[in-house]
Amino acid sequence: ILEKNPSLKPKLKEIIKDAYRYSRVEASSE
């Protein structure tokens, strides 16, 4: 995805933060 969309790279910190928030909920459920 990053290779095809390099303009996402500057947003990685934000994307990681959002993804982690949801992954905690999913990990808790599992």
All heavy atoms as atom14 arrays in JSON, in Angstrom:
{
  "sequence": "ILEKNPSLKPKLKEIIKDAYRYSRVEASSE",
  "atom14_mask": [
    [1, 1, 1, 1, 1, 1, 1, 1, 0, 0, 0, 0, 0, 0],
    [1, 1, 1, 1, 1, 1, 1, 1, 0, 0, 0, 0, 0, 0],
    [1, 1, 1, 1, 1, 1, 1, 1, 1, 0, 0, 0, 0, 0],
    [1, 1, 1, 1, 1, 1, 1, 1, 1, 0, 0, 0, 0, 0],
    [1, 1, 1, 1, 1, 1, 1, 1, 0, 0, 0, 0, 0, 0],
    [1, 1, 1, 1, 1, 1, 1, 0, 0, 0, 0, 0, 0, 0],
    [1, 1, 1, 1, 1, 1, 0, 0, 0, 0, 0, 0, 0, 0],
    [1, 1, 1, 1, 1, 1, 1, 1, 0, 0, 0, 0, 0, 0],
    [1, 1, 1, 1, 1, 1, 1, 1, 1, 0, 0, 0, 0, 0],
    [1, 1, 1, 1, 1, 1, 1, 0, 0, 0, 0, 0, 0, 0],
    [1, 1, 1, 1, 1, 1, 1, 1, 1, 0, 0, 0, 0, 0],
    [1, 1, 1, 1, 1, 1, 1, 1, 0, 0, 0, 0, 0, 0],
    [1, 1, 1, 1, 1, 1, 1, 1, 1, 0, 0, 0, 0, 0],
    [1, 1, 1, 1, 1, 1, 1, 1, 1, 0, 0, 0, 0, 0],
    [1, 1, 1, 1, 1, 1, 1, 1, 0, 0, 0, 0, 0, 0],
    [1, 1, 1, 1, 1, 1, 1, 1, 0, 0, 0, 0, 0, 0],
    [1, 1, 1, 1, 1, 1, 1, 1, 1, 0, 0, 0, 0, 0],
    [1, 1, 1, 1, 1, 1, 1, 1, 0, 0, 0, 0, 0, 0],
    [1, 1, 1, 1, 1, 0, 0, 0, 0, 0, 0, 0, 0, 0],
    [1, 1, 1, 1, 1, 1, 1, 1, 1, 1, 1, 1, 0, 0],
    [1, 1, 1, 1, 1, 1, 1, 1, 1, 1, 1, 0, 0, 0],
    [1, 1, 1, 1, 1, 1, 1, 1, 1, 1, 1, 1, 0, 0],
    [1, 1, 1, 1, 1, 1, 0, 0, 0, 0, 0, 0, 0, 0],
    [1, 1, 1, 1, 1, 1, 1, 1, 1, 1, 1, 0, 0, 0],
    [1, 1, 1, 1, 1, 1, 1, 0, 0, 0, 0, 0, 0, 0],
    [1, 1, 1, 1, 1, 1, 1, 1, 1, 0, 0, 0, 0, 0],
    [1, 1, 1, 1, 1, 0, 0, 0, 0, 0, 0, 0, 0, 0],
    [1, 1, 1, 1, 1, 1, 0, 0, 0, 0, 0, 0, 0, 0],
    [1, 1, 1, 1, 1, 1, 0, 0, 0, 0, 0, 0, 0, 0],
    [1, 1, 1, 1, 1, 1, 1, 1, 1, 0, 0, 0, 0, 0]
  ],
  "atom14_positions": [
    [[0.85, -1.2, 0.0], [0.0, 0.0, 0.0], [0.89, 1.25, 0.0], [0.64, 2.2, -0.75], [-0.97, 0.01, 1.2], [-2.02, -1.09, 1.04], [-1.64, 1.38, 1.35], [-2.87, -1.33, 2.28], [0.0, 0.0, 0.0], [0.0, 0.0, 0.0], [0.0, 0.0, 0.0], [0.0, 0.0, 0.0], [0.0, 0.0, 0.0], [0.0, 0.0, 0.0]],
    [[1.94, 1.24, 0.84], [2.84, 2.39, 0.91], [3.6, 2.61, -0.4], [3.85, 3.75, -0.79], [3.81, 2.24, 2.07], [3.2, 2.37, 3.46], [4.23, 2.03, 4.53], [2.62, 3.76, 3.68], [0.0, 0.0, 0.0], [0.0, 0.0, 0.0], [0.0, 0.0, 0.0], [0.0, 0.0, 0.0], [0.0, 0.0, 0.0], [0.0, 0.0, 0.0]],
    [[3.97, 1.52, -1.06], [4.67, 1.64, -2.35], [3.76, 2.32, -3.38], [4.22, 3.14, -4.17], [5.07, 0.26, -2.88], [6.25, -0.35, -2.16], [6.46, -1.82, -2.54], [5.88, -2.3, -3.54], [7.22, -2.49, -1.81], [0.0, 0.0, 0.0], [0.0, 0.0, 0.0], [0.0, 0.0, 0.0], [0.0, 0.0, 0.0], [0.0, 0.0, 0.0]],
    [[2.49, 1.97, -3.37], [1.55, 2.52, -4.34], [0.98, 3.87, -3.91], [0.41, 4.59, -4.73], [0.41, 1.53, -4.58], [0.86, 0.27, -5.28], [-0.29, -0.66, -5.53], [0.2, -1.9, -6.27], [-0.89, -2.75, -6.7], [0.0, 0.0, 0.0], [0.0, 0.0, 0.0], [0.0, 0.0, 0.0], [0.0, 0.0, 0.0], [0.0, 0.0, 0.0]],
    [[1.12, 4.17, -2.61], [0.56, 5.4, -2.05], [1.56, 6.07, -1.11], [1.33, 6.16, 0.1], [-0.74, 5.09, -1.28], [-1.76, 4.38, -2.13], [-2.5, 5.01, -2.87], [-1.82, 3.07, -2.02], [0.0, 0.0, 0.0], [0.0, 0.0, 0.0], [0.0, 0.0, 0.0], [0.0, 0.0, 0.0], [0.0, 0.0, 0.0], [0.0, 0.0, 0.0]],
    [[2.69, 6.53, -1.63], [3.74, 7.07, -0.76], [3.31, 8.29, 0.06], [3.89, 8.57, 1.1], [4.88, 7.42, -1.72], [4.29, 7.42, -3.08], [3.08, 6.56, -3.04], [0.0, 0.0, 0.0], [0.0, 0.0, 0.0], [0.0, 0.0, 0.0], [0.0, 0.0, 0.0], [0.0, 0.0, 0.0], [0.0, 0.0, 0.0], [0.0, 0.0, 0.0]],
    [[2.26, 8.98, -0.37], [1.81, 10.13, 0.42], [1.15, 9.72, 1.72], [0.84, 10.57, 2.56], [0.88, 11.02, -0.41], [-0.26, 10.3, -0.8], [0.0, 0.0, 0.0], [0.0, 0.0, 0.0], [0.0, 0.0, 0.0], [0.0, 0.0, 0.0], [0.0, 0.0, 0.0], [0.0, 0.0, 0.0], [0.0, 0.0, 0.0], [0.0, 0.0, 0.0]],
    [[0.95, 8.42, 1.95], [0.46, 7.95, 3.25], [1.58, 7.92, 4.29], [1.31, 7.93, 5.49], [-0.13, 6.54, 3.13], [-1.55, 6.43, 2.6], [-1.94, 4.96, 2.41], [-2.53, 7.12, 3.51], [0.0, 0.0, 0.0], [0.0, 0.0, 0.0], [0.0, 0.0, 0.0], [0.0, 0.0, 0.0], [0.0, 0.0, 0.0], [0.0, 0.0, 0.0]],
    [[2.82, 7.88, 3.85], [3.95, 7.75, 4.79], [3.97, 8.84, 5.87], [4.16, 8.52, 7.03], [5.28, 7.71, 4.03], [5.48, 6.42, 3.27], [6.79, 6.43, 2.51], [6.97, 5.16, 1.7], [8.23, 5.18, 0.95], [0.0, 0.0, 0.0], [0.0, 0.0, 0.0], [0.0, 0.0, 0.0], [0.0, 0.0, 0.0], [0.0, 0.0, 0.0]],
    [[3.74, 10.1, 5.52], [3.75, 11.12, 6.58], [2.61, 10.96, 7.59], [2.64, 11.54, 8.66], [3.6, 12.45, 5.81], [3.95, 12.14, 4.41], [3.65, 10.69, 4.19], [0.0, 0.0, 0.0], [0.0, 0.0, 0.0], [0.0, 0.0, 0.0], [0.0, 0.0, 0.0], [0.0, 0.0, 0.0], [0.0, 0.0, 0.0], [0.0, 0.0, 0.0]],
    [[1.61, 10.17, 7.25], [0.46, 9.96, 8.13], [0.58, 8.69, 8.96], [-0.33, 8.34, 9.7], [-0.82, 9.91, 7.3], [-1.08, 11.18, 6.52], [-2.31, 11.04, 5.64], [-2.47, 12.18, 4.7], [-3.06, 13.35, 5.21], [0.0, 0.0, 0.0], [0.0, 0.0, 0.0], [0.0, 0.0, 0.0], [0.0, 0.0, 0.0], [0.0, 0.0, 0.0]],
    [[1.7, 7.99, 8.84], [1.84, 6.7, 9.5], [1.66, 6.75, 11.02], [1.02, 5.87, 11.6], [3.19, 6.06, 9.16], [3.21, 5.29, 7.85], [4.62, 4.82, 7.53], [2.24, 4.12, 7.88], [0.0, 0.0, 0.0], [0.0, 0.0, 0.0], [0.0, 0.0, 0.0], [0.0, 0.0, 0.0], [0.0, 0.0, 0.0], [0.0, 0.0, 0.0]],
    [[2.21, 7.76, 11.66], [2.08, 7.85, 13.13], [0.61, 7.92, 13.52], [0.17, 7.26, 14.46], [2.85, 9.04, 13.68], [4.35, 8.84, 13.65], [5.06, 10.06, 14.21], [6.56, 9.87, 14.09], [7.29, 11.05, 14.54], [0.0, 0.0, 0.0], [0.0, 0.0, 0.0], [0.0, 0.0, 0.0], [0.0, 0.0, 0.0], [0.0, 0.0, 0.0]],
    [[-0.15, 8.74, 12.82], [-1.58, 8.88, 13.09], [-2.32, 7.58, 12.79], [-3.17, 7.14, 13.57], [-2.14, 10.01, 12.22], [-3.64, 10.12, 12.19], [-4.14, 10.97, 11.02], [-3.41, 11.86, 10.55], [-5.27, 10.71, 10.58], [0.0, 0.0, 0.0], [0.0, 0.0, 0.0], [0.0, 0.0, 0.0], [0.0, 0.0, 0.0], [0.0, 0.0, 0.0]],
    [[-2.01, 6.94, 11.67], [-2.67, 5.69, 11.29], [-2.37, 4.6, 12.31], [-3.25, 3.85, 12.72], [-2.24, 5.26, 9.87], [-2.71, 6.29, 8.83], [-2.79, 3.88, 9.53], [-2.11, 6.1, 7.44], [0.0, 0.0, 0.0], [0.0, 0.0, 0.0], [0.0, 0.0, 0.0], [0.0, 0.0, 0.0], [0.0, 0.0, 0.0], [0.0, 0.0, 0.0]],
    [[-1.12, 4.54, 12.75], [-0.71, 3.56, 13.76], [-1.47, 3.8, 15.06], [-1.97, 2.85, 15.68], [0.82, 3.59, 13.96], [1.5, 2.92, 12.77], [1.22, 2.93, 15.28], [3.01, 3.08, 12.74], [0.0, 0.0, 0.0], [0.0, 0.0, 0.0], [0.0, 0.0, 0.0], [0.0, 0.0, 0.0], [0.0, 0.0, 0.0], [0.0, 0.0, 0.0]],
    [[-1.56, 5.04, 15.46], [-2.27, 5.37, 16.71], [-3.72, 4.91, 16.64], [-4.23, 4.29, 17.58], [-2.19, 6.89, 16.95], [-2.86, 7.34, 18.21], [-2.72, 8.84, 18.37], [-3.48, 9.32, 19.6], [-3.39, 10.76, 19.77], [0.0, 0.0, 0.0], [0.0, 0.0, 0.0], [0.0, 0.0, 0.0], [0.0, 0.0, 0.0], [0.0, 0.0, 0.0]],
    [[-4.4, 5.21, 15.54], [-5.8, 4.82, 15.38], [-5.95, 3.3, 15.32], [-6.83, 2.72, 15.95], [-6.4, 5.44, 14.12], [-6.57, 6.94, 14.23], [-6.56, 7.46, 15.36], [-6.71, 7.59, 13.17], [0.0, 0.0, 0.0], [0.0, 0.0, 0.0], [0.0, 0.0, 0.0], [0.0, 0.0, 0.0], [0.0, 0.0, 0.0], [0.0, 0.0, 0.0]],
    [[-5.08, 2.65, 14.57], [-5.15, 1.19, 14.43], [-4.92, 0.51, 15.77], [-5.61, -0.47, 16.11], [-4.12, 0.7, 13.41], [0.0, 0.0, 0.0], [0.0, 0.0, 0.0], [0.0, 0.0, 0.0], [0.0, 0.0, 0.0], [0.0, 0.0, 0.0], [0.0, 0.0, 0.0], [0.0, 0.0, 0.0], [0.0, 0.0, 0.0], [0.0, 0.0, 0.0]],
    [[-3.99, 1.01, 16.53], [-3.68, 0.39, 17.82], [-4.87, 0.47, 18.77], [-5.19, -0.49, 19.48], [-2.45, 1.01, 18.47], [-2.12, 0.36, 19.79], [-1.6, -0.94, 19.82], [-2.4, 0.99, 21.0], [-1.34, -1.57, 21.03], [-2.14, 0.37, 22.21], [-1.61, -0.91, 22.21], [-1.37, -1.54, 23.41], [0.0, 0.0, 0.0], [0.0, 0.0, 0.0]],
    [[-5.54, 1.6, 18.76], [-6.71, 1.77, 19.63], [-7.74, 0.66, 19.39], [-8.26, 0.06, 20.33], [-7.33, 3.16, 19.4], [-8.51, 3.45, 20.31], [-9.06, 4.83, 20.11], [-9.57, 4.98, 18.76], [-9.41, 6.07, 18.02], [-8.74, 7.09, 18.48], [-9.91, 6.15, 16.82], [0.0, 0.0, 0.0], [0.0, 0.0, 0.0], [0.0, 0.0, 0.0]],
    [[-8.0, 0.36, 18.12], [-8.97, -0.68, 17.8], [-8.41, -2.08, 18.05], [-9.14, -3.0, 18.42], [-9.43, -0.55, 16.34], [-10.18, 0.73, 16.09], [-9.68, 1.68, 15.21], [-11.37, 1.01, 16.75], [-10.36, 2.87, 14.99], [-12.05, 2.19, 16.54], [-11.55, 3.12, 15.65], [-12.22, 4.29, 15.44], [0.0, 0.0, 0.0], [0.0, 0.0, 0.0]],
    [[-7.12, -2.24, 17.87], [-6.53, -3.57, 18.07], [-6.59, -4.0, 19.54], [-6.7, -5.18, 19.83], [-5.08, -3.61, 17.56], [-4.24, -2.81, 18.35], [0.0, 0.0, 0.0], [0.0, 0.0, 0.0], [0.0, 0.0, 0.0], [0.0, 0.0, 0.0], [0.0, 0.0, 0.0], [0.0, 0.0, 0.0], [0.0, 0.0, 0.0], [0.0, 0.0, 0.0]],
    [[-6.53, -3.04, 20.43], [-6.67, -3.36, 21.86], [-8.03, -3.98, 22.13], [-8.14, -4.97, 22.87], [-6.52, -2.09, 22.72], [-5.12, -1.57, 22.83], [-5.07, -0.28, 23.61], [-5.36, -0.52, 25.03], [-5.98, 0.35, 25.81], [-6.4, 1.5, 25.34], [-6.19, 0.07, 27.08], [0.0, 0.0, 0.0], [0.0, 0.0, 0.0], [0.0, 0.0, 0.0]],
    [[-9.06, -3.41, 21.54], [-10.42, -3.92, 21.73], [-10.53, -5.33, 21.14], [-11.08, -6.24, 21.77], [-11.46, -2.98, 21.08], [-12.86, -3.57, 21.15], [-11.42, -1.61, 21.74], [0.0, 0.0, 0.0], [0.0, 0.0, 0.0], [0.0, 0.0, 0.0], [0.0, 0.0, 0.0], [0.0, 0.0, 0.0], [0.0, 0.0, 0.0], [0.0, 0.0, 0.0]],
    [[-9.99, -5.52, 19.94], [-10.04, -6.83, 19.28], [-9.25, -7.87, 20.06], [-9.7, -9.01, 20.23], [-9.52, -6.71, 17.85], [-10.43, -5.91, 16.95], [-9.8, -5.63, 15.6], [-8.93, -6.39, 15.16], [-10.2, -4.62, 14.98], [0.0, 0.0, 0.0], [0.0, 0.0, 0.0], [0.0, 0.0, 0.0], [0.0, 0.0, 0.0], [0.0, 0.0, 0.0]],
    [[-8.07, -7.49, 20.54], [-7.25, -8.43, 21.31], [-7.96, -8.8, 22.61], [-7.92, -9.95, 23.04], [-5.87, -7.82, 21.6], [0.0, 0.0, 0.0], [0.0, 0.0, 0.0], [0.0, 0.0, 0.0], [0.0, 0.0, 0.0], [0.0, 0.0, 0.0], [0.0, 0.0, 0.0], [0.0, 0.0, 0.0], [0.0, 0.0, 0.0], [0.0, 0.0, 0.0]],
    [[-8.62, -7.84, 23.2], [-9.37, -8.11, 24.43], [-10.48, -9.11, 24.15], [-10.68, -10.07, 24.92], [-9.97, -6.8, 24.96], [-10.81, -7.06, 26.05], [0.0, 0.0, 0.0], [0.0, 0.0, 0.0], [0.0, 0.0, 0.0], [0.0, 0.0, 0.0], [0.0, 0.0, 0.0], [0.0, 0.0, 0.0], [0.0, 0.0, 0.0], [0.0, 0.0, 0.0]],
    [[-11.18, -8.92, 23.07], [-12.28, -9.82, 22.69], [-11.77, -11.24, 22.45], [-12.39, -12.2, 22.86], [-12.96, -9.27, 21.44], [-13.89, -10.2, 20.95], [0.0, 0.0, 0.0], [0.0, 0.0, 0.0], [0.0, 0.0, 0.0], [0.0, 0.0, 0.0], [0.0, 0.0, 0.0], [0.0, 0.0, 0.0], [0.0, 0.0, 0.0], [0.0, 0.0, 0.0]],
    [[-10.62, -11.36, 21.79], [-10.1, -12.68, 21.45], [-9.39, -13.38, 22.61], [-9.31, -14.6, 22.62], [-9.16, -12.58, 20.25], [-9.92, -12.29, 18.97], [-9.14, -12.67, 17.73], [-8.13, -13.4, 17.81], [-9.57, -12.22, 16.65], [0.0, 0.0, 0.0], [0.0, 0.0, 0.0], [0.0, 0.0, 0.0], [0.0, 0.0, 0.0], [0.0, 0.0, 0.0]]
  ]
}
